[in-house]
Amino acid sequence: MDEIDRQLERDEPLLAAQIAIRKPTLIARGSCYNCEAPVTIGLYCDADCRVDHEKEQYALAQRPW
């Protein structure tokens, strides 16, 4: 067992915990998650809406409550 194997062995519980608490992924629902415009493929109507929604979600996650 080399140093890389030992490091992987030490990191495995942390990685498992991080996977367990990760945020759920968004599911396509037929409308843009940002502006509610109809979408046939994907989650957003364009890249600007994706960026705006991600910024909003990040800001909400930073709130202390």
PDB file of N, CA and C in Angstrom:
ATOM      1  N   MET A   1       0.855  -1.173   0.000  1.00  0.00           N
ATOM      2  CA  MET A   1       0.000   0.000   0.000  1.00  0.00           C
ATOM      3  C   MET A   1       0.903   1.238   0.000  1.00  0.00           C
ATOM      4  N   ASP A   2       0.718   2.092  -0.982  1.00  0.00           N
ATOM      5  CA  ASP A   2       1.540   3.291  -1.057  1.00  0.00           C
ATOM      6  C   ASP A   2       0.800   4.488  -0.447  1.00  0.00           C
ATOM      7  N   GLU A   3       1.434   5.631  -0.487  1.00  0.00           N
ATOM      8  CA  GLU A   3       0.885   6.839   0.130  1.00  0.00           C
ATOM      9  C   GLU A   3      -0.448   7.245  -0.491  1.00  0.00           C
ATOM     10  N   ILE A   4      -0.596   7.086  -1.770  1.00  0.00           N
ATOM     11  CA  ILE A   4      -1.856   7.446  -2.446  1.00  0.00           C
ATOM     12  C   ILE A   4      -2.994   6.570  -1.939  1.00  0.00           C
ATOM     13  N   ASP A   5      -2.759   5.286  -1.810  1.00  0.00           N
ATOM     14  CA  ASP A   5      -3.785   4.379  -1.289  1.00  0.00           C
ATOM     15  C   ASP A   5      -4.178   4.749   0.139  1.00  0.00           C
ATOM     16  N   ARG A   6      -3.190   5.104   0.958  1.00  0.00           N
ATOM     17  CA  ARG A   6      -3.488   5.486   2.343  1.00  0.00           C
ATOM     18  C   ARG A   6      -4.300   6.776   2.388  1.00  0.00           C
ATOM     19  N   GLN A   7      -3.960   7.714   1.518  1.00  0.00           N
ATOM     20  CA  GLN A   7      -4.714   8.972   1.476  1.00  0.00           C
ATOM     21  C   GLN A   7      -6.149   8.728   1.014  1.00  0.00           C
ATOM     22  N   LEU A   8      -6.334   7.892   0.026  1.00  0.00           N
ATOM     23  CA  LEU A   8      -7.680   7.557  -0.434  1.00  0.00           C
ATOM     24  C   LEU A   8      -8.486   6.881   0.669  1.00  0.00           C
ATOM     25  N   GLU A   9      -7.837   6.030   1.417  1.00  0.00           N
ATOM     26  CA  GLU A   9      -8.496   5.347   2.519  1.00  0.00           C
ATOM     27  C   GLU A   9      -8.927   6.344   3.594  1.00  0.00           C
ATOM     28  N   ARG A  10      -8.097   7.352   3.858  1.00  0.00           N
ATOM     29  CA  ARG A  10      -8.447   8.379   4.845  1.00  0.00           C
ATOM     30  C   ARG A  10      -9.566   9.273   4.334  1.00  0.00           C
ATOM     31  N   ASP A  11      -9.575   9.553   3.032  1.00  0.00           N
ATOM     32  CA  ASP A  11     -10.561  10.476   2.462  1.00  0.00           C
ATOM     33  C   ASP A  11     -11.921   9.842   2.210  1.00  0.00           C
ATOM     34  N   GLU A  12     -11.987   8.549   2.119  1.00  0.00           N
ATOM     35  CA  GLU A  12     -13.230   7.872   1.753  1.00  0.00           C
ATOM     36  C   GLU A  12     -14.406   8.210   2.669  1.00  0.00           C
ATOM     37  N   PRO A  13     -14.258   8.205   4.005  1.00  0.00           N
ATOM     38  CA  PRO A  13     -15.409   8.566   4.852  1.00  0.00           C
ATOM     39  C   PRO A  13     -15.881  10.010   4.624  1.00  0.00           C
ATOM     40  N   LEU A  14     -14.950  10.920   4.424  1.00  0.00           N
ATOM     41  CA  LEU A  14     -15.315  12.306   4.161  1.00  0.00           C
ATOM     42  C   LEU A  14     -16.076  12.427   2.844  1.00  0.00           C
ATOM     43  N   LEU A  15     -15.588  11.768   1.811  1.00  0.00           N
ATOM     44  CA  LEU A  15     -16.260  11.806   0.520  1.00  0.00           C
ATOM     45  C   LEU A  15     -17.656  11.196   0.609  1.00  0.00           C
ATOM     46  N   ALA A  16     -17.797  10.114   1.327  1.00  0.00           N
ATOM     47  CA  ALA A  16     -19.105   9.476   1.490  1.00  0.00           C
ATOM     48  C   ALA A  16     -20.073  10.418   2.204  1.00  0.00           C
ATOM     49  N   ALA A  17     -19.593  11.121   3.221  1.00  0.00           N
ATOM     50  CA  ALA A  17     -20.439  12.075   3.935  1.00  0.00           C
ATOM     51  C   ALA A  17     -20.831  13.243   3.034  1.00  0.00           C
ATOM     52  N   GLN A  18     -19.901  13.731   2.242  1.00  0.00           N
ATOM     53  CA  GLN A  18     -20.208  14.828   1.336  1.00  0.00           C
ATOM     54  C   GLN A  18     -21.235  14.412   0.286  1.00  0.00           C
ATOM     55  N   ILE A  19     -21.132  13.212  -0.201  1.00  0.00           N
ATOM     56  CA  ILE A  19     -22.109  12.717  -1.175  1.00  0.00           C
ATOM     57  C   ILE A  19     -23.480  12.592  -0.519  1.00  0.00           C
ATOM     58  N   ALA A  20     -23.511  12.142   0.718  1.00  0.00           N
ATOM     59  CA  ALA A  20     -24.780  11.942   1.412  1.00  0.00           C
ATOM     60  C   ALA A  20     -25.518  13.255   1.657  1.00  0.00           C
ATOM     61  N   ILE A  21     -24.785  14.354   1.852  1.00  0.00           N
ATOM     62  CA  ILE A  21     -25.443  15.629   2.155  1.00  0.00           C
ATOM     63  C   ILE A  21     -25.501  16.581   0.964  1.00  0.00           C
ATOM     64  N   ARG A  22     -25.121  16.087  -0.210  1.00  0.00           N
ATOM     65  CA  ARG A  22     -25.133  16.969  -1.372  1.00  0.00           C
ATOM     66  C   ARG A  22     -26.542  17.436  -1.685  1.00  0.00           C
ATOM     67  N   LYS A  23     -26.630  18.568  -2.345  1.00  0.00           N
ATOM     68  CA  LYS A  23     -27.913  19.121  -2.727  1.00  0.00           C
ATOM     69  C   LYS A  23     -28.544  18.245  -3.805  1.00  0.00           C
ATOM     70  N   PRO A  24     -29.848  18.106  -3.753  1.00  0.00           N
ATOM     71  CA  PRO A  24     -30.494  17.333  -4.813  1.00  0.00           C
ATOM     72  C   PRO A  24     -30.351  18.053  -6.160  1.00  0.00           C
ATOM     73  N   THR A  25     -30.291  17.283  -7.209  1.00  0.00           N
ATOM     74  CA  THR A  25     -30.184  17.873  -8.534  1.00  0.00           C
ATOM     75  C   THR A  25     -31.555  18.319  -9.014  1.00  0.00           C
ATOM     76  N   LEU A  26     -31.579  19.316  -9.862  1.00  0.00           N
ATOM     77  CA  LEU A  26     -32.833  19.806 -10.424  1.00  0.00           C
ATOM     78  C   LEU A  26     -33.335  18.842 -11.489  1.00  0.00           C
ATOM     79  N   ILE A  27     -34.623  18.722 -11.579  1.00  0.00           N
ATOM     80  CA  ILE A  27     -35.258  17.846 -12.554  1.00  0.00           C
ATOM     81  C   ILE A  27     -35.973  18.708 -13.581  1.00  0.00           C
ATOM     82  N   ALA A  28     -35.812  18.385 -14.853  1.00  0.00           N
ATOM     83  CA  ALA A  28     -36.481  19.137 -15.909  1.00  0.00           C
ATOM     84  C   ALA A  28     -37.988  19.110 -15.672  1.00  0.00           C
ATOM     85  N   ARG A  29     -38.611  20.285 -15.758  1.00  0.00           N
ATOM     86  CA  ARG A  29     -40.050  20.376 -15.488  1.00  0.00           C
ATOM     87  C   ARG A  29     -40.824  21.045 -16.617  1.00  0.00           C
ATOM     88  N   GLY A  30     -40.142  21.368 -17.707  1.00  0.00           N
ATOM     89  CA  GLY A  30     -40.829  21.961 -18.848  1.00  0.00           C
ATOM     90  C   GLY A  30     -40.885  23.469 -18.826  1.00  0.00           C
ATOM     91  N   SER A  31     -40.345  24.071 -17.761  1.00  0.00           N
ATOM     92  CA  SER A  31     -40.276  25.527 -17.704  1.00  0.00           C
ATOM     93  C   SER A  31     -38.955  25.934 -17.078  1.00  0.00           C
ATOM     94  N   CYS A  32     -38.513  27.113 -17.431  1.00  0.00           N
ATOM     95  CA  CYS A  32     -37.236  27.644 -16.936  1.00  0.00           C
ATOM     96  C   CYS A  32     -37.309  27.824 -15.422  1.00  0.00           C
ATOM     97  N   TYR A  33     -36.290  27.394 -14.721  1.00  0.00           N
ATOM     98  CA  TYR A  33     -36.253  27.540 -13.270  1.00  0.00           C
ATOM     99  C   TYR A  33     -36.105  28.992 -12.840  1.00  0.00           C
ATOM    100  N   ASN A  34     -35.707  29.861 -13.749  1.00  0.00           N
ATOM    101  CA  ASN A  34     -35.521  31.257 -13.395  1.00  0.00           C
ATOM    102  C   ASN A  34     -36.729  32.109 -13.767  1.00  0.00           C
ATOM    103  N   CYS A  35     -37.161  32.033 -15.017  1.00  0.00           N
ATOM    104  CA  CYS A  35     -38.210  32.953 -15.484  1.00  0.00           C
ATOM    105  C   CYS A  35     -39.522  32.268 -15.837  1.00  0.00           C
ATOM    106  N   GLU A  36     -39.590  30.948 -15.679  1.00  0.00           N
ATOM    107  CA  GLU A  36     -40.796  30.173 -15.950  1.00  0.00           C
ATOM    108  C   GLU A  36     -41.174  30.091 -17.429  1.00  0.00           C
ATOM    109  N   ALA A  37     -40.303  30.509 -18.333  1.00  0.00           N
ATOM    110  CA  ALA A  37     -40.576  30.392 -19.769  1.00  0.00           C
ATOM    111  C   ALA A  37     -40.603  28.913 -20.152  1.00  0.00           C
ATOM    112  N   PRO A  38     -41.424  28.540 -21.135  1.00  0.00           N
ATOM    113  CA  PRO A  38     -41.456  27.142 -21.564  1.00  0.00           C
ATOM    114  C   PRO A  38     -40.086  26.676 -22.078  1.00  0.00           C
ATOM    115  N   VAL A  39     -39.700  25.468 -21.683  1.00  0.00           N
ATOM    116  CA  VAL A  39     -38.426  24.882 -22.084  1.00  0.00           C
ATOM    117  C   VAL A  39     -38.693  23.445 -22.513  1.00  0.00           C
ATOM    118  N   THR A  40     -38.226  23.070 -23.682  1.00  0.00           N
ATOM    119  CA  THR A  40     -38.433  21.695 -24.132  1.00  0.00           C
ATOM    120  C   THR A  40     -37.276  20.785 -23.760  1.00  0.00           C
ATOM    121  N   ILE A  41     -36.065  21.338 -23.707  1.00  0.00           N
ATOM    122  CA  ILE A  41     -34.884  20.556 -23.344  1.00  0.00           C
ATOM    123  C   ILE A  41     -34.097  21.331 -22.304  1.00  0.00           C
ATOM    124  N   GLY A  42     -33.744  20.689 -21.229  1.00  0.00           N
ATOM    125  CA  GLY A  42     -32.920  21.314 -20.207  1.00  0.00           C
ATOM    126  C   GLY A  42     -33.724  21.943 -19.093  1.00  0.00           C
ATOM    127  N   LEU A  43     -33.040  22.783 -18.310  1.00  0.00           N
ATOM    128  CA  LEU A  43     -33.631  23.387 -17.122  1.00  0.00           C
ATOM    129  C   LEU A  43     -33.880  24.881 -17.256  1.00  0.00           C
ATOM    130  N   TYR A  44     -33.171  25.520 -18.183  1.00  0.00           N
ATOM    131  CA  TYR A  44     -33.244  26.969 -18.349  1.00  0.00           C
ATOM    132  C   TYR A  44     -33.466  27.315 -19.809  1.00  0.00           C
ATOM    133  N   CYS A  45     -34.046  28.501 -20.039  1.00  0.00           N
ATOM    134  CA  CYS A  45     -34.296  28.912 -21.420  1.00  0.00           C
ATOM    135  C   CYS A  45     -33.022  29.423 -22.091  1.00  0.00           C
ATOM    136  N   ASP A  46     -32.068  29.945 -21.301  1.00  0.00           N
ATOM    137  CA  ASP A  46     -30.787  30.376 -21.854  1.00  0.00           C
ATOM    138  C   ASP A  46     -29.741  30.461 -20.742  1.00  0.00           C
ATOM    139  N   ALA A  47     -28.526  30.770 -21.141  1.00  0.00           N
ATOM    140  CA  ALA A  47     -27.418  30.795 -20.181  1.00  0.00           C
ATOM    141  C   ALA A  47     -27.579  31.897 -19.146  1.00  0.00           C
ATOM    142  N   ASP A  48     -28.156  33.032 -19.537  1.00  0.00           N
ATOM    143  CA  ASP A  48     -28.343  34.128 -18.592  1.00  0.00           C
ATOM    144  C   ASP A  48     -29.276  33.717 -17.450  1.00  0.00           C
ATOM    145  N   CYS A  49     -30.351  33.007 -17.788  1.00  0.00           N
ATOM    146  CA  CYS A  49     -31.271  32.540 -16.752  1.00  0.00           C
ATOM    147  C   CYS A  49     -30.582  31.533 -15.836  1.00  0.00           C
ATOM    148  N   ARG A  50     -29.738  30.673 -16.402  1.00  0.00           N
ATOM    149  CA  ARG A  50     -29.013  29.708 -15.580  1.00  0.00           C
ATOM    150  C   ARG A  50     -28.123  30.423 -14.580  1.00  0.00           C
ATOM    151  N   VAL A  51     -27.383  31.407 -15.047  1.00  0.00           N
ATOM    152  CA  VAL A  51     -26.474  32.155 -14.169  1.00  0.00           C
ATOM    153  C   VAL A  51     -27.262  32.894 -13.096  1.00  0.00           C
ATOM    154  N   ASP A  52     -28.352  33.550 -13.477  1.00  0.00           N
ATOM    155  CA  ASP A  52     -29.166  34.281 -12.504  1.00  0.00           C
ATOM    156  C   ASP A  52     -29.717  33.343 -11.430  1.00  0.00           C
ATOM    157  N   HIS A  53     -30.215  32.191 -11.841  1.00  0.00           N
ATOM    158  CA  HIS A  53     -30.782  31.242 -10.878  1.00  0.00           C
ATOM    159  C   HIS A  53     -29.705  30.692  -9.952  1.00  0.00           C
ATOM    160  N   GLU A  54     -28.549  30.373 -10.493  1.00  0.00           N
ATOM    161  CA  GLU A  54     -27.460  29.861  -9.657  1.00  0.00           C
ATOM    162  C   GLU A  54     -27.001  30.907  -8.650  1.00  0.00           C
ATOM    163  N   LYS A  55     -26.944  32.175  -9.059  1.00  0.00           N
ATOM    164  CA  LYS A  55     -26.570  33.246  -8.132  1.00  0.00           C
ATOM    165  C   LYS A  55     -27.608  33.383  -7.021  1.00  0.00           C
ATOM    166  N   GLU A  56     -28.879  33.315  -7.397  1.00  0.00           N
ATOM    167  CA  GLU A  56     -29.949  33.422  -6.416  1.00  0.00           C
ATOM    168  C   GLU A  56     -29.894  32.266  -5.419  1.00  0.00           C
ATOM    169  N   GLN A  57     -29.686  31.060  -5.915  1.00  0.00           N
ATOM    170  CA  GLN A  57     -29.612  29.898  -5.034  1.00  0.00           C
ATOM    171  C   GLN A  57     -28.401  29.989  -4.111  1.00  0.00           C
ATOM    172  N   TYR A  58     -27.284  30.482  -4.619  1.00  0.00           N
ATOM    173  CA  TYR A  58     -26.092  30.652  -3.798  1.00  0.00           C
ATOM    174  C   TYR A  58     -26.372  31.665  -2.682  1.00  0.00           C
ATOM    175  N   ALA A  59     -27.016  32.795  -3.039  1.00  0.00           N
ATOM    176  CA  ALA A  59     -27.323  33.813  -2.046  1.00  0.00           C
ATOM    177  C   ALA A  59     -28.261  33.259  -0.973  1.00  0.00           C
ATOM    178  N   LEU A  60     -29.247  32.482  -1.374  1.00  0.00           N
ATOM    179  CA  LEU A  60     -30.159  31.886  -0.401  1.00  0.00           C
ATOM    180  C   LEU A  60     -29.429  30.912   0.524  1.00  0.00           C
ATOM    181  N   ALA A  61     -28.490  30.181  -0.007  1.00  0.00           N
ATOM    182  CA  ALA A  61     -27.736  29.217   0.799  1.00  0.00           C
ATOM    183  C   ALA A  61     -26.819  29.914   1.808  1.00  0.00           C
ATOM    184  N   GLN A  62     -26.445  31.157   1.558  1.00  0.00           N
ATOM    185  CA  GLN A  62     -25.551  31.882   2.455  1.00  0.00           C
ATOM    186  C   GLN A  62     -26.258  32.472   3.649  1.00  0.00           C
ATOM    187  N   ARG A  63     -27.595  32.520   3.603  1.00  0.00           N
ATOM    188  CA  ARG A  63     -28.352  33.079   4.729  1.00  0.00           C
ATOM    189  C   ARG A  63     -28.131  32.231   5.975  1.00  0.00           C
ATOM    190  N   PRO A  64     -28.012  32.869   7.122  1.00  0.00           N
ATOM    191  CA  PRO A  64     -27.756  32.125   8.346  1.00  0.00           C
ATOM    192  C   PRO A  64     -28.963  31.341   8.856  1.00  0.00           C
ATOM    193  N   TRP A  65     -30.128  31.605   8.383  1.00  0.00           N
ATOM    194  CA  TRP A  65     -31.316  30.889   8.870  1.00  0.00           C
ATOM    195  C   TRP A  65     -31.822  30.025   7.844  1.00  0.00           C
TER     196      TRP A  65
END
